[in-house]
Each structure stands twice: as C-alpha cells, then as structure tokens.
Amino acid sequence: MTAQMGVADFCRYALATEKSQLVHDPARLGALFREYAGIQRTPSLRKTIYLVRSIGISIEAVNYLETGGTNMTANGRWHIHYSAKDRPPTQKFDILHELFEVIHKNFDTVCPGYGCLKNRS
C-alpha cells in the first residue's frame, strides 16, 4: 500500500460518513479515525507509530527538531518526523497532530473542491 492510498482510503471514508461537514473538527476527525481503525482507547506510543506506518506513512524520531513534529511528502510518500528529545506522551501527541494534518491535506485530493465545503452552513 502506498501512503496516498492508505490516507486516501480514510479520507473517502470520513467524507462519506460525515457528508463533508464535520471533517474540519479535529475531535470529530479523531473519533472517525478511531472508528475506522478499530481503536477502543488511546494507543501507546509504540502502537501509534505502528498505526501511522500501517496506513503507509513513513515515521521517524529525529534529533533536528528541538520539540514538536513536522510532515512532508517526498518521492510520492508522506513522512512524519517528531522530536526524539520529547517525552513519550508529547511524542504521541505530536505524531497524532501531524497525522491529522496529513489527512486534512489529502481531503482536497480525494474530493476536489473540498476546501470550499468547510464554508458551508
């Protein structure tokens, strides 16, 4: 599975489930992702990393970040880097935050014009 396919599958699921209206809300998107992935409770750091890799995203703890995380595409694949210097609970938060950003960036690819949908009442 490629990163685009794994993330795109979830984006299609979220858009179909919510009729495109609530996917801008991080809490609702997180709930949809937990439902989609069959997550009953917040996963450990190790399981969070596994989950991100399972949908085709490369993930790595890096020393160049003092704190936080970042996401990017390279060679057609999504990558998440998070600070190796942070404590595990902070790392998990940063990873999930970056995952939300990756998913959010993919909605317009899956549903052209998606950016306009968030302005609907």
N, C-alpha and C. Protein backbone atom coordinates (compact mmCIF):
# COMPACT_ATOMS: atom_id res chain seq x y z
N MET A 1 0.84 -1.17 0.00
CA MET A 1 0.00 0.00 0.00
C MET A 1 0.89 1.23 0.00
N THR A 2 0.55 2.23 -0.80
CA THR A 2 1.29 3.48 -0.79
C THR A 2 0.67 4.43 0.22
N ALA A 3 1.41 5.44 0.62
CA ALA A 3 0.90 6.40 1.60
C ALA A 3 -0.36 7.06 1.09
N GLN A 4 -0.35 7.46 -0.16
CA GLN A 4 -1.50 8.15 -0.73
C GLN A 4 -2.74 7.27 -0.67
N MET A 5 -2.58 5.98 -0.98
CA MET A 5 -3.73 5.08 -0.96
C MET A 5 -4.26 4.89 0.46
N GLY A 6 -3.41 4.67 1.43
CA GLY A 6 -3.85 4.45 2.80
C GLY A 6 -4.56 5.66 3.38
N VAL A 7 -3.98 6.82 3.21
CA VAL A 7 -4.58 8.04 3.71
C VAL A 7 -5.84 8.36 2.91
N ALA A 8 -5.79 8.18 1.61
CA ALA A 8 -6.95 8.46 0.76
C ALA A 8 -8.13 7.58 1.13
N ASP A 9 -7.89 6.32 1.47
CA ASP A 9 -8.99 5.44 1.87
C ASP A 9 -9.71 6.00 3.09
N PHE A 10 -8.95 6.45 4.08
CA PHE A 10 -9.59 7.02 5.26
C PHE A 10 -10.32 8.31 4.90
N CYS A 11 -9.73 9.15 4.06
CA CYS A 11 -10.39 10.40 3.66
C CYS A 11 -11.73 10.13 2.99
N ARG A 12 -11.78 9.14 2.10
CA ARG A 12 -13.04 8.79 1.46
C ARG A 12 -14.06 8.31 2.48
N TYR A 13 -13.61 7.50 3.43
CA TYR A 13 -14.49 7.02 4.50
C TYR A 13 -15.05 8.19 5.31
N ALA A 14 -14.17 9.11 5.72
CA ALA A 14 -14.60 10.25 6.53
C ALA A 14 -15.58 11.14 5.76
N LEU A 15 -15.28 11.41 4.50
CA LEU A 15 -16.16 12.25 3.70
C LEU A 15 -17.52 11.59 3.48
N ALA A 16 -17.53 10.28 3.26
CA ALA A 16 -18.79 9.57 3.06
C ALA A 16 -19.60 9.53 4.36
N THR A 17 -18.92 9.35 5.46
CA THR A 17 -19.60 9.26 6.76
C THR A 17 -20.18 10.59 7.18
N GLU A 18 -19.45 11.64 7.01
CA GLU A 18 -19.85 12.95 7.52
C GLU A 18 -20.48 13.84 6.46
N LYS A 19 -20.63 13.37 5.27
CA LYS A 19 -21.16 14.19 4.19
C LYS A 19 -20.39 15.51 4.09
N SER A 20 -19.10 15.43 4.39
CA SER A 20 -18.14 16.52 4.21
C SER A 20 -18.32 17.69 5.17
N GLN A 21 -19.12 17.57 6.21
CA GLN A 21 -19.41 18.75 7.01
C GLN A 21 -18.59 18.88 8.29
N LEU A 22 -18.20 17.80 8.91
CA LEU A 22 -17.52 17.91 10.20
C LEU A 22 -16.06 17.49 10.18
N VAL A 23 -15.51 17.22 9.01
CA VAL A 23 -14.15 16.72 8.96
C VAL A 23 -13.10 17.79 9.24
N HIS A 24 -13.51 19.04 9.40
CA HIS A 24 -12.56 20.09 9.79
C HIS A 24 -12.37 20.14 11.30
N ASP A 25 -13.21 19.46 12.04
CA ASP A 25 -13.13 19.43 13.50
C ASP A 25 -12.16 18.33 13.92
N PRO A 26 -11.01 18.69 14.52
CA PRO A 26 -10.02 17.66 14.89
C PRO A 26 -10.58 16.58 15.81
N ALA A 27 -11.45 16.96 16.75
CA ALA A 27 -12.02 15.96 17.66
C ALA A 27 -12.90 14.98 16.90
N ARG A 28 -13.73 15.47 16.00
CA ARG A 28 -14.61 14.58 15.22
C ARG A 28 -13.79 13.73 14.27
N LEU A 29 -12.79 14.31 13.65
CA LEU A 29 -11.93 13.55 12.74
C LEU A 29 -11.20 12.45 13.51
N GLY A 30 -10.73 12.77 14.72
CA GLY A 30 -10.09 11.77 15.56
C GLY A 30 -11.04 10.63 15.90
N ALA A 31 -12.29 10.97 16.21
CA ALA A 31 -13.29 9.93 16.52
C ALA A 31 -13.55 9.05 15.30
N LEU A 32 -13.63 9.67 14.13
CA LEU A 32 -13.82 8.89 12.89
C LEU A 32 -12.63 7.97 12.64
N PHE A 33 -11.42 8.49 12.89
CA PHE A 33 -10.23 7.67 12.67
C PHE A 33 -10.20 6.49 13.63
N ARG A 34 -10.55 6.73 14.90
CA ARG A 34 -10.60 5.63 15.87
C ARG A 34 -11.61 4.58 15.43
N GLU A 35 -12.76 5.03 14.95
CA GLU A 35 -13.78 4.11 14.45
C GLU A 35 -13.25 3.32 13.25
N TYR A 36 -12.65 4.02 12.31
CA TYR A 36 -12.12 3.41 11.09
C TYR A 36 -11.04 2.38 11.40
N ALA A 37 -10.16 2.71 12.36
CA ALA A 37 -9.03 1.84 12.69
C ALA A 37 -9.37 0.82 13.78
N GLY A 38 -10.58 0.89 14.32
CA GLY A 38 -10.97 -0.05 15.37
C GLY A 38 -10.24 0.19 16.69
N ILE A 39 -9.95 1.43 17.00
CA ILE A 39 -9.22 1.78 18.22
C ILE A 39 -10.24 2.04 19.34
N GLN A 40 -10.12 1.29 20.43
CA GLN A 40 -11.04 1.44 21.55
C GLN A 40 -10.56 2.47 22.56
N ARG A 41 -9.25 2.58 22.74
CA ARG A 41 -8.68 3.54 23.68
C ARG A 41 -7.41 4.12 23.08
N THR A 42 -6.93 5.20 23.65
CA THR A 42 -5.75 5.86 23.11
C THR A 42 -4.58 4.89 23.11
N PRO A 43 -3.97 4.69 21.94
CA PRO A 43 -2.87 3.73 21.85
C PRO A 43 -1.58 4.25 22.50
N SER A 44 -0.72 3.33 22.86
CA SER A 44 0.61 3.69 23.38
C SER A 44 1.42 4.33 22.26
N LEU A 45 2.57 4.88 22.60
CA LEU A 45 3.45 5.48 21.60
C LEU A 45 3.83 4.44 20.55
N ARG A 46 4.21 3.26 21.00
CA ARG A 46 4.60 2.20 20.07
C ARG A 46 3.46 1.84 19.11
N LYS A 47 2.24 1.71 19.63
CA LYS A 47 1.09 1.38 18.78
C LYS A 47 0.72 2.54 17.87
N THR A 48 0.92 3.77 18.34
CA THR A 48 0.66 4.94 17.49
C THR A 48 1.60 4.94 16.29
N ILE A 49 2.87 4.66 16.53
CA ILE A 49 3.85 4.60 15.43
C ILE A 49 3.47 3.48 14.46
N TYR A 50 3.09 2.32 14.99
CA TYR A 50 2.68 1.20 14.14
C TYR A 50 1.46 1.59 13.31
N LEU A 51 0.50 2.25 13.92
CA LEU A 51 -0.72 2.65 13.23
C LEU A 51 -0.40 3.58 12.07
N VAL A 52 0.46 4.57 12.31
CA VAL A 52 0.85 5.51 11.25
C VAL A 52 1.53 4.76 10.11
N ARG A 53 2.43 3.85 10.44
CA ARG A 53 3.11 3.06 9.40
C ARG A 53 2.13 2.17 8.65
N SER A 54 1.11 1.66 9.35
CA SER A 54 0.18 0.72 8.72
C SER A 54 -0.66 1.37 7.63
N ILE A 55 -0.80 2.70 7.66
CA ILE A 55 -1.53 3.36 6.58
C ILE A 55 -0.57 3.96 5.55
N GLY A 56 0.69 3.55 5.63
CA GLY A 56 1.65 3.87 4.58
C GLY A 56 2.44 5.15 4.77
N ILE A 57 2.45 5.69 5.98
CA ILE A 57 3.21 6.91 6.23
C ILE A 57 4.53 6.53 6.90
N SER A 58 5.62 7.06 6.37
CA SER A 58 6.93 6.86 6.99
C SER A 58 7.01 7.74 8.22
N ILE A 59 7.52 7.22 9.32
CA ILE A 59 7.60 7.98 10.56
C ILE A 59 8.94 7.75 11.22
N GLU A 60 9.50 8.84 11.79
CA GLU A 60 10.84 8.73 12.36
C GLU A 60 11.04 9.76 13.47
N ALA A 61 11.67 9.33 14.57
CA ALA A 61 12.11 10.24 15.62
C ALA A 61 13.42 10.86 15.14
N VAL A 62 13.51 12.19 15.22
CA VAL A 62 14.69 12.89 14.70
C VAL A 62 15.27 13.82 15.76
N ASN A 63 16.55 14.10 15.64
CA ASN A 63 17.22 14.99 16.57
C ASN A 63 17.25 16.44 16.10
N TYR A 64 16.91 16.70 14.84
CA TYR A 64 16.98 18.08 14.35
C TYR A 64 15.84 18.95 14.86
N LEU A 65 14.78 18.34 15.40
CA LEU A 65 13.69 19.11 15.99
C LEU A 65 13.91 19.20 17.50
N GLU A 66 13.90 20.40 18.03
CA GLU A 66 14.03 20.55 19.48
C GLU A 66 12.79 20.00 20.18
N THR A 67 11.64 20.25 19.58
CA THR A 67 10.36 19.76 20.10
C THR A 67 9.37 19.74 18.95
N GLY A 68 8.25 19.04 19.14
CA GLY A 68 7.20 19.03 18.13
C GLY A 68 7.43 18.04 17.00
N GLY A 69 6.72 18.29 15.91
CA GLY A 69 6.81 17.40 14.76
C GLY A 69 6.58 18.16 13.48
N THR A 70 6.75 17.47 12.37
CA THR A 70 6.53 18.05 11.05
C THR A 70 6.12 16.93 10.10
N ASN A 71 5.46 17.31 9.02
CA ASN A 71 5.10 16.33 8.00
C ASN A 71 5.47 16.88 6.64
N MET A 72 5.73 15.98 5.71
CA MET A 72 6.12 16.39 4.37
C MET A 72 5.91 15.22 3.40
N THR A 73 5.92 15.54 2.13
CA THR A 73 5.93 14.48 1.12
C THR A 73 7.28 14.49 0.44
N ALA A 74 7.75 13.30 0.11
CA ALA A 74 9.00 13.14 -0.63
C ALA A 74 8.88 11.85 -1.42
N ASN A 75 9.22 11.92 -2.68
CA ASN A 75 9.14 10.75 -3.56
C ASN A 75 7.77 10.11 -3.54
N GLY A 76 6.73 10.94 -3.49
CA GLY A 76 5.36 10.44 -3.54
C GLY A 76 4.87 9.76 -2.28
N ARG A 77 5.55 9.99 -1.16
CA ARG A 77 5.17 9.33 0.08
C ARG A 77 5.15 10.36 1.22
N TRP A 78 4.20 10.20 2.12
CA TRP A 78 4.13 11.07 3.29
C TRP A 78 5.14 10.62 4.33
N HIS A 79 5.70 11.62 5.04
CA HIS A 79 6.66 11.37 6.11
C HIS A 79 6.27 12.23 7.31
N ILE A 80 6.38 11.65 8.48
CA ILE A 80 6.21 12.39 9.73
C ILE A 80 7.50 12.26 10.51
N HIS A 81 8.03 13.41 10.95
CA HIS A 81 9.19 13.43 11.84
C HIS A 81 8.72 14.04 13.15
N TYR A 82 9.19 13.47 14.25
CA TYR A 82 8.87 14.02 15.56
C TYR A 82 10.15 14.05 16.39
N SER A 83 10.18 14.95 17.36
CA SER A 83 11.40 15.16 18.14
C SER A 83 11.72 13.94 19.00
N ALA A 84 12.94 13.45 18.84
CA ALA A 84 13.43 12.35 19.68
C ALA A 84 13.69 12.83 21.10
N LYS A 85 13.76 14.16 21.30
CA LYS A 85 14.09 14.74 22.59
C LYS A 85 12.88 14.88 23.52
N ASP A 86 11.68 14.83 22.96
CA ASP A 86 10.47 14.97 23.77
C ASP A 86 10.16 13.71 24.56
N ARG A 87 9.38 13.88 25.61
CA ARG A 87 8.92 12.73 26.39
C ARG A 87 7.88 11.96 25.58
N PRO A 88 7.72 10.65 25.81
CA PRO A 88 6.79 9.83 25.04
C PRO A 88 5.36 10.38 24.94
N PRO A 89 4.74 10.90 26.02
CA PRO A 89 3.39 11.44 25.84
C PRO A 89 3.34 12.62 24.86
N THR A 90 4.37 13.45 24.89
CA THR A 90 4.44 14.58 23.96
C THR A 90 4.68 14.08 22.55
N GLN A 91 5.53 13.07 22.40
CA GLN A 91 5.77 12.49 21.07
C GLN A 91 4.48 11.95 20.48
N LYS A 92 3.72 11.24 21.29
CA LYS A 92 2.45 10.67 20.81
C LYS A 92 1.50 11.79 20.37
N PHE A 93 1.39 12.83 21.17
CA PHE A 93 0.54 13.97 20.81
C PHE A 93 1.00 14.56 19.48
N ASP A 94 2.31 14.79 19.34
CA ASP A 94 2.84 15.38 18.11
C ASP A 94 2.59 14.50 16.90
N ILE A 95 2.77 13.20 17.05
CA ILE A 95 2.53 12.27 15.94
C ILE A 95 1.07 12.34 15.51
N LEU A 96 0.14 12.29 16.47
CA LEU A 96 -1.28 12.33 16.13
C LEU A 96 -1.66 13.68 15.52
N HIS A 97 -1.05 14.74 16.00
CA HIS A 97 -1.28 16.06 15.40
C HIS A 97 -0.82 16.08 13.94
N GLU A 98 0.36 15.57 13.69
CA GLU A 98 0.88 15.53 12.32
C GLU A 98 0.03 14.61 11.44
N LEU A 99 -0.45 13.51 12.00
CA LEU A 99 -1.33 12.62 11.24
C LEU A 99 -2.60 13.36 10.83
N PHE A 100 -3.18 14.13 11.74
CA PHE A 100 -4.36 14.94 11.40
C PHE A 100 -4.03 15.87 10.24
N GLU A 101 -2.89 16.52 10.29
CA GLU A 101 -2.52 17.45 9.21
C GLU A 101 -2.36 16.72 7.88
N VAL A 102 -1.74 15.56 7.89
CA VAL A 102 -1.57 14.78 6.66
C VAL A 102 -2.94 14.42 6.09
N ILE A 103 -3.81 13.93 6.94
CA ILE A 103 -5.16 13.55 6.49
C ILE A 103 -5.87 14.78 5.94
N HIS A 104 -5.82 15.87 6.68
CA HIS A 104 -6.51 17.08 6.25
C HIS A 104 -5.99 17.57 4.90
N LYS A 105 -4.69 17.49 4.68
CA LYS A 105 -4.09 17.91 3.41
C LYS A 105 -4.55 17.03 2.25
N ASN A 106 -4.97 15.81 2.55
CA ASN A 106 -5.37 14.89 1.50
C ASN A 106 -6.84 14.99 1.12
N PHE A 107 -7.66 15.66 1.90
CA PHE A 107 -9.08 15.74 1.57
C PHE A 107 -9.32 16.38 0.21
N ASP A 108 -8.62 17.44 -0.12
CA ASP A 108 -8.84 18.10 -1.40
C ASP A 108 -8.42 17.22 -2.57
N THR A 109 -7.44 16.35 -2.36
CA THR A 109 -7.02 15.42 -3.41
C THR A 109 -8.12 14.39 -3.66
N VAL A 110 -8.72 13.91 -2.58
CA VAL A 110 -9.77 12.89 -2.67
C VAL A 110 -11.07 13.50 -3.16
N CYS A 111 -11.35 14.71 -2.73
CA CYS A 111 -12.61 15.39 -3.07
C CYS A 111 -12.27 16.80 -3.56
N PRO A 112 -11.99 16.95 -4.87
CA PRO A 112 -11.65 18.28 -5.39
C PRO A 112 -12.72 19.31 -5.00
N GLY A 113 -12.26 20.45 -4.57
CA GLY A 113 -13.17 21.49 -4.11
C GLY A 113 -13.51 21.36 -2.64
N TYR A 114 -12.90 20.41 -1.98
CA TYR A 114 -13.17 20.16 -0.56
C TYR A 114 -12.98 21.41 0.28
N GLY A 115 -11.95 22.20 -0.02
CA GLY A 115 -11.68 23.41 0.76
C GLY A 115 -12.89 24.34 0.81
N CYS A 116 -13.71 24.32 -0.21
CA CYS A 116 -14.92 25.16 -0.23
C CYS A 116 -15.99 24.61 0.70
N LEU A 117 -15.96 23.31 0.97
CA LEU A 117 -17.02 22.69 1.77
C LEU A 117 -17.04 23.18 3.20
N LYS A 118 -15.91 23.52 3.75
CA LYS A 118 -15.86 23.93 5.15
C LYS A 118 -16.57 25.25 5.39
N ASN A 119 -16.83 26.00 4.35
CA ASN A 119 -17.51 27.28 4.50
C ASN A 119 -19.02 27.17 4.43
N ARG A 120 -19.54 25.99 4.21
CA ARG A 120 -20.99 25.80 4.14
C ARG A 120 -21.59 25.86 5.53
N SER A 121 -22.81 26.33 5.62
CA SER A 121 -23.51 26.37 6.92
C SER A 121 -24.38 25.15 7.08
